[in-house]
Amino acid sequence: MSASVPSLAFPAQADNLQLELGKHGPRLKLMEDCDPAYDDCEGPRRDDRRDRRQSRGCTEDRALDKADRMGIRRARIESVGRREITVRGRQGGDRVRVTFGTERGCPILDRE
């Protein structure tokens, strides 16, 4: 007694064919069958805007680094807002406060 294995012929387009292994068993589907409401049809996005904006903007560490390059010693973060980061420290024996913008390059908004 021999068991026969059915053979399936598919066109050689691997980018349009997807194998899903789920709780209902294996399933082959074409990418044209993709439903955006339930499936990730395009795959993961490489240019996630949140990551790009966060990596380019001014962070607390970058504001402290810039304050150090400006000659401000013992710099510390005083406050962090959505659009500005305020740093306090000493320069030449005087107390100084610098407010940086959260845009790229940490622009100086105010200096006291």
N, C-alpha and C. Protein backbone atom coordinates (compact mmCIF):
# COMPACT_ATOMS: atom_id res chain seq x y z
N MET A 1 0.85 -1.16 0.00
CA MET A 1 0.00 0.00 0.00
C MET A 1 0.90 1.24 0.00
N SER A 2 0.75 2.07 -0.95
CA SER A 2 1.58 3.26 -1.04
C SER A 2 0.70 4.50 -1.01
N ALA A 3 1.19 5.49 -0.31
CA ALA A 3 0.43 6.74 -0.22
C ALA A 3 0.96 7.71 -1.26
N SER A 4 0.08 8.35 -1.91
CA SER A 4 0.52 9.33 -2.91
C SER A 4 0.45 10.72 -2.31
N VAL A 5 1.43 11.51 -2.65
CA VAL A 5 1.50 12.88 -2.18
C VAL A 5 1.09 13.78 -3.33
N PRO A 6 0.05 14.57 -3.11
CA PRO A 6 -0.36 15.45 -4.20
C PRO A 6 0.70 16.51 -4.46
N SER A 7 0.95 16.80 -5.68
CA SER A 7 1.92 17.85 -6.02
C SER A 7 1.17 19.08 -6.48
N LEU A 8 1.65 20.21 -6.01
CA LEU A 8 1.04 21.48 -6.36
C LEU A 8 2.02 22.27 -7.21
N ALA A 9 1.54 22.85 -8.25
CA ALA A 9 2.40 23.66 -9.12
C ALA A 9 2.05 25.13 -8.92
N PHE A 10 3.05 25.92 -8.60
CA PHE A 10 2.87 27.36 -8.43
C PHE A 10 3.82 28.07 -9.37
N PRO A 11 3.42 29.22 -9.87
CA PRO A 11 4.37 30.00 -10.67
C PRO A 11 5.56 30.41 -9.79
N ALA A 12 6.68 30.65 -10.39
CA ALA A 12 7.91 30.99 -9.66
C ALA A 12 7.94 32.47 -9.31
N GLN A 13 7.00 32.90 -8.48
CA GLN A 13 6.96 34.28 -8.01
C GLN A 13 6.89 34.24 -6.49
N ALA A 14 8.01 34.10 -5.87
CA ALA A 14 8.05 33.96 -4.42
C ALA A 14 7.67 35.24 -3.69
N ASP A 15 7.82 36.38 -4.32
CA ASP A 15 7.48 37.62 -3.63
C ASP A 15 5.98 37.82 -3.50
N ASN A 16 5.18 37.12 -4.27
CA ASN A 16 3.73 37.23 -4.18
C ASN A 16 3.10 36.13 -3.36
N LEU A 17 3.86 35.14 -2.94
CA LEU A 17 3.35 33.99 -2.22
C LEU A 17 3.77 34.07 -0.77
N GLN A 18 2.80 33.80 0.12
CA GLN A 18 3.10 33.88 1.55
C GLN A 18 2.57 32.63 2.23
N LEU A 19 3.38 32.02 3.09
CA LEU A 19 2.99 30.84 3.86
C LEU A 19 2.72 31.30 5.28
N GLU A 20 1.50 31.03 5.76
CA GLU A 20 1.13 31.38 7.12
C GLU A 20 0.93 30.12 7.92
N LEU A 21 1.52 30.07 9.09
CA LEU A 21 1.31 28.96 10.01
C LEU A 21 0.56 29.52 11.21
N GLY A 22 -0.70 29.18 11.31
CA GLY A 22 -1.52 29.71 12.38
C GLY A 22 -2.22 28.61 13.15
N LYS A 23 -3.15 29.00 13.99
CA LYS A 23 -3.84 28.00 14.81
C LYS A 23 -4.79 27.13 14.00
N HIS A 24 -5.12 27.55 12.80
CA HIS A 24 -5.98 26.75 11.93
C HIS A 24 -5.17 25.95 10.92
N GLY A 25 -3.87 25.89 11.10
CA GLY A 25 -3.01 25.11 10.21
C GLY A 25 -2.32 25.98 9.20
N PRO A 26 -1.48 25.37 8.35
CA PRO A 26 -0.76 26.14 7.33
C PRO A 26 -1.69 26.66 6.25
N ARG A 27 -1.35 27.81 5.71
CA ARG A 27 -2.18 28.42 4.67
C ARG A 27 -1.28 29.16 3.70
N LEU A 28 -1.47 28.95 2.44
CA LEU A 28 -0.76 29.70 1.40
C LEU A 28 -1.68 30.78 0.89
N LYS A 29 -1.15 31.98 0.74
CA LYS A 29 -1.97 33.05 0.17
C LYS A 29 -1.12 33.95 -0.68
N LEU A 30 -1.73 34.55 -1.64
CA LEU A 30 -1.06 35.51 -2.51
C LEU A 30 -1.14 36.88 -1.86
N MET A 31 -0.17 37.71 -2.10
CA MET A 31 -0.15 39.04 -1.51
C MET A 31 -1.30 39.90 -2.00
N GLU A 32 -1.88 39.58 -3.13
CA GLU A 32 -3.04 40.33 -3.61
C GLU A 32 -4.23 40.14 -2.68
N ASP A 33 -4.22 39.01 -1.92
CA ASP A 33 -5.30 38.73 -0.99
C ASP A 33 -5.14 39.49 0.33
N CYS A 34 -4.16 40.30 0.42
CA CYS A 34 -3.84 40.99 1.66
C CYS A 34 -4.94 42.00 2.00
N ASP A 35 -5.41 41.94 3.24
CA ASP A 35 -6.42 42.87 3.73
C ASP A 35 -5.75 43.81 4.72
N PRO A 36 -5.58 45.09 4.39
CA PRO A 36 -4.86 46.01 5.28
C PRO A 36 -5.48 46.15 6.65
N ALA A 37 -6.76 45.84 6.79
CA ALA A 37 -7.40 45.94 8.09
C ALA A 37 -6.89 44.87 9.06
N TYR A 38 -6.44 43.74 8.52
CA TYR A 38 -6.01 42.63 9.38
C TYR A 38 -4.56 42.23 9.19
N ASP A 39 -3.96 42.55 8.05
CA ASP A 39 -2.62 42.09 7.72
C ASP A 39 -1.68 43.25 7.51
N ASP A 40 -0.39 42.97 7.65
CA ASP A 40 0.65 43.94 7.34
C ASP A 40 1.06 43.72 5.89
N CYS A 41 0.42 44.42 4.97
CA CYS A 41 0.59 44.16 3.55
C CYS A 41 1.92 44.64 3.01
N GLU A 42 2.46 45.70 3.54
CA GLU A 42 3.68 46.28 3.00
C GLU A 42 4.92 45.87 3.77
N GLY A 43 4.77 45.21 4.87
CA GLY A 43 5.91 44.86 5.71
C GLY A 43 6.26 46.02 6.62
N PRO A 44 7.28 45.86 7.44
CA PRO A 44 7.63 46.94 8.37
C PRO A 44 8.19 48.16 7.64
N ARG A 45 7.85 49.33 8.13
CA ARG A 45 8.33 50.58 7.53
C ARG A 45 9.74 50.86 8.01
N ARG A 46 10.59 51.22 7.10
CA ARG A 46 11.97 51.53 7.47
C ARG A 46 12.10 52.94 8.01
N ASP A 47 11.27 53.83 7.53
CA ASP A 47 11.41 55.24 7.92
C ASP A 47 10.34 55.61 8.92
N ASP A 48 10.42 55.03 10.09
CA ASP A 48 9.48 55.38 11.14
C ASP A 48 9.75 56.82 11.57
N ARG A 49 8.78 57.67 11.41
CA ARG A 49 8.99 59.11 11.63
C ARG A 49 9.34 59.44 13.07
N ARG A 50 8.76 58.69 14.03
CA ARG A 50 9.08 58.98 15.43
C ARG A 50 10.55 58.75 15.72
N ASP A 51 11.12 57.65 15.22
CA ASP A 51 12.53 57.39 15.45
C ASP A 51 13.41 58.44 14.80
N ARG A 52 13.05 58.85 13.58
CA ARG A 52 13.86 59.86 12.88
C ARG A 52 13.82 61.19 13.62
N ARG A 53 12.62 61.60 14.04
CA ARG A 53 12.50 62.89 14.71
C ARG A 53 13.23 62.86 16.04
N GLN A 54 13.13 61.76 16.77
CA GLN A 54 13.78 61.68 18.07
C GLN A 54 15.30 61.66 17.93
N SER A 55 15.80 60.99 16.92
CA SER A 55 17.25 60.90 16.78
C SER A 55 17.86 62.21 16.29
N ARG A 56 17.11 63.02 15.57
CA ARG A 56 17.65 64.27 15.05
C ARG A 56 17.46 65.44 16.00
N GLY A 57 16.48 65.37 16.87
CA GLY A 57 16.19 66.49 17.75
C GLY A 57 17.17 66.59 18.89
N CYS A 58 17.02 67.65 19.67
CA CYS A 58 17.87 67.89 20.82
C CYS A 58 17.35 67.08 22.01
N THR A 59 18.24 66.34 22.65
CA THR A 59 17.89 65.58 23.85
C THR A 59 18.57 66.24 25.05
N GLU A 60 18.25 65.73 26.23
CA GLU A 60 18.87 66.28 27.44
C GLU A 60 20.39 66.10 27.41
N ASP A 61 20.84 64.93 26.96
CA ASP A 61 22.28 64.69 26.90
C ASP A 61 22.97 65.62 25.90
N ARG A 62 22.33 65.86 24.77
CA ARG A 62 22.92 66.76 23.77
C ARG A 62 22.94 68.19 24.27
N ALA A 63 21.92 68.59 25.02
CA ALA A 63 21.90 69.95 25.58
C ALA A 63 23.03 70.11 26.60
N LEU A 64 23.25 69.09 27.43
CA LEU A 64 24.35 69.16 28.40
C LEU A 64 25.71 69.19 27.70
N ASP A 65 25.84 68.41 26.63
CA ASP A 65 27.10 68.43 25.87
C ASP A 65 27.36 69.80 25.26
N LYS A 66 26.31 70.41 24.72
CA LYS A 66 26.49 71.73 24.11
C LYS A 66 26.82 72.77 25.17
N ALA A 67 26.18 72.68 26.33
CA ALA A 67 26.49 73.61 27.42
C ALA A 67 27.95 73.45 27.85
N ASP A 68 28.44 72.23 27.90
CA ASP A 68 29.84 71.99 28.25
C ASP A 68 30.77 72.61 27.20
N ARG A 69 30.44 72.46 25.94
CA ARG A 69 31.26 73.06 24.88
C ARG A 69 31.21 74.59 24.92
N MET A 70 30.12 75.15 25.46
CA MET A 70 30.01 76.60 25.60
C MET A 70 30.80 77.12 26.80
N GLY A 71 31.35 76.21 27.61
CA GLY A 71 32.13 76.63 28.77
C GLY A 71 31.34 76.67 30.06
N ILE A 72 30.16 76.13 30.08
CA ILE A 72 29.34 76.10 31.29
C ILE A 72 29.74 74.87 32.10
N ARG A 73 30.16 75.10 33.34
CA ARG A 73 30.62 74.02 34.21
C ARG A 73 29.51 73.62 35.17
N ARG A 74 29.59 72.40 35.64
CA ARG A 74 28.59 71.82 36.55
C ARG A 74 27.17 72.01 36.01
N ALA A 75 27.02 71.78 34.72
CA ALA A 75 25.72 71.97 34.09
C ALA A 75 24.76 70.86 34.52
N ARG A 76 23.51 71.25 34.72
CA ARG A 76 22.46 70.29 35.05
C ARG A 76 21.15 70.73 34.42
N ILE A 77 20.28 69.80 34.19
CA ILE A 77 18.99 70.09 33.57
C ILE A 77 18.08 70.72 34.61
N GLU A 78 17.52 71.86 34.29
CA GLU A 78 16.57 72.51 35.18
C GLU A 78 15.15 72.10 34.84
N SER A 79 14.81 72.12 33.55
CA SER A 79 13.47 71.72 33.14
C SER A 79 13.50 71.22 31.70
N VAL A 80 12.54 70.36 31.41
CA VAL A 80 12.40 69.81 30.06
C VAL A 80 10.95 70.00 29.64
N GLY A 81 10.78 70.66 28.52
CA GLY A 81 9.45 70.84 27.95
C GLY A 81 9.37 70.22 26.58
N ARG A 82 8.23 70.35 25.96
CA ARG A 82 8.05 69.78 24.62
C ARG A 82 8.91 70.49 23.58
N ARG A 83 9.12 71.80 23.79
CA ARG A 83 9.85 72.59 22.79
C ARG A 83 11.15 73.19 23.29
N GLU A 84 11.47 72.99 24.57
CA GLU A 84 12.69 73.59 25.10
C GLU A 84 13.25 72.78 26.26
N ILE A 85 14.58 72.90 26.42
CA ILE A 85 15.30 72.27 27.51
C ILE A 85 16.14 73.36 28.17
N THR A 86 15.98 73.55 29.48
CA THR A 86 16.70 74.59 30.21
C THR A 86 17.81 73.95 31.03
N VAL A 87 19.01 74.52 30.90
CA VAL A 87 20.20 74.02 31.60
C VAL A 87 20.74 75.13 32.48
N ARG A 88 21.12 74.77 33.72
CA ARG A 88 21.75 75.72 34.64
C ARG A 88 23.16 75.27 34.93
N GLY A 89 24.02 76.24 35.23
CA GLY A 89 25.40 75.92 35.59
C GLY A 89 26.17 77.18 35.93
N ARG A 90 27.48 77.08 35.88
CA ARG A 90 28.35 78.23 36.20
C ARG A 90 29.31 78.48 35.06
N GLN A 91 29.57 79.77 34.86
CA GLN A 91 30.54 80.17 33.84
C GLN A 91 31.26 81.40 34.34
N GLY A 92 32.56 81.27 34.54
CA GLY A 92 33.36 82.40 35.02
C GLY A 92 32.95 82.87 36.40
N GLY A 93 32.48 81.98 37.26
CA GLY A 93 32.08 82.36 38.61
C GLY A 93 30.64 82.83 38.71
N ASP A 94 29.98 83.05 37.60
CA ASP A 94 28.58 83.50 37.61
C ASP A 94 27.63 82.33 37.32
N ARG A 95 26.43 82.44 37.87
CA ARG A 95 25.40 81.46 37.55
C ARG A 95 24.78 81.83 36.20
N VAL A 96 24.60 80.82 35.37
CA VAL A 96 24.00 81.05 34.05
C VAL A 96 22.89 80.03 33.82
N ARG A 97 21.94 80.46 33.00
CA ARG A 97 20.85 79.59 32.59
C ARG A 97 20.68 79.73 31.08
N VAL A 98 20.71 78.61 30.38
CA VAL A 98 20.57 78.61 28.92
C VAL A 98 19.39 77.73 28.56
N THR A 99 18.54 78.25 27.67
CA THR A 99 17.40 77.49 27.18
C THR A 99 17.67 77.09 25.74
N PHE A 100 17.64 75.79 25.49
CA PHE A 100 17.86 75.24 24.15
C PHE A 100 16.52 74.80 23.55
N GLY A 101 16.40 74.93 22.26
CA GLY A 101 15.24 74.39 21.55
C GLY A 101 15.43 72.90 21.32
N THR A 102 14.33 72.19 21.16
CA THR A 102 14.42 70.74 20.96
C THR A 102 14.60 70.37 19.50
N GLU A 103 14.83 71.34 18.63
CA GLU A 103 15.08 71.05 17.22
C GLU A 103 16.50 70.52 17.06
N ARG A 104 16.80 70.11 15.85
CA ARG A 104 18.13 69.59 15.52
C ARG A 104 19.20 70.66 15.77
N GLY A 105 20.27 70.28 16.43
CA GLY A 105 21.37 71.20 16.69
C GLY A 105 21.24 71.95 18.00
N CYS A 106 20.18 71.75 18.75
CA CYS A 106 19.94 72.42 20.04
C CYS A 106 20.15 73.93 19.94
N PRO A 107 19.33 74.64 19.18
CA PRO A 107 19.53 76.09 19.07
C PRO A 107 19.31 76.79 20.41
N ILE A 108 20.08 77.84 20.65
CA ILE A 108 19.95 78.62 21.89
C ILE A 108 18.77 79.57 21.74
N LEU A 109 17.77 79.42 22.64
CA LEU A 109 16.61 80.29 22.60
C LEU A 109 16.75 81.48 23.55
N ASP A 110 17.39 81.24 24.70
CA ASP A 110 17.52 82.30 25.69
C ASP A 110 18.74 82.00 26.54
N ARG A 111 19.40 83.09 26.99
CA ARG A 111 20.57 82.95 27.85
C ARG A 111 20.53 84.01 28.92
N GLU A 112 20.59 83.61 30.17
CA GLU A 112 20.55 84.56 31.29
C GLU A 112 21.80 84.41 32.13
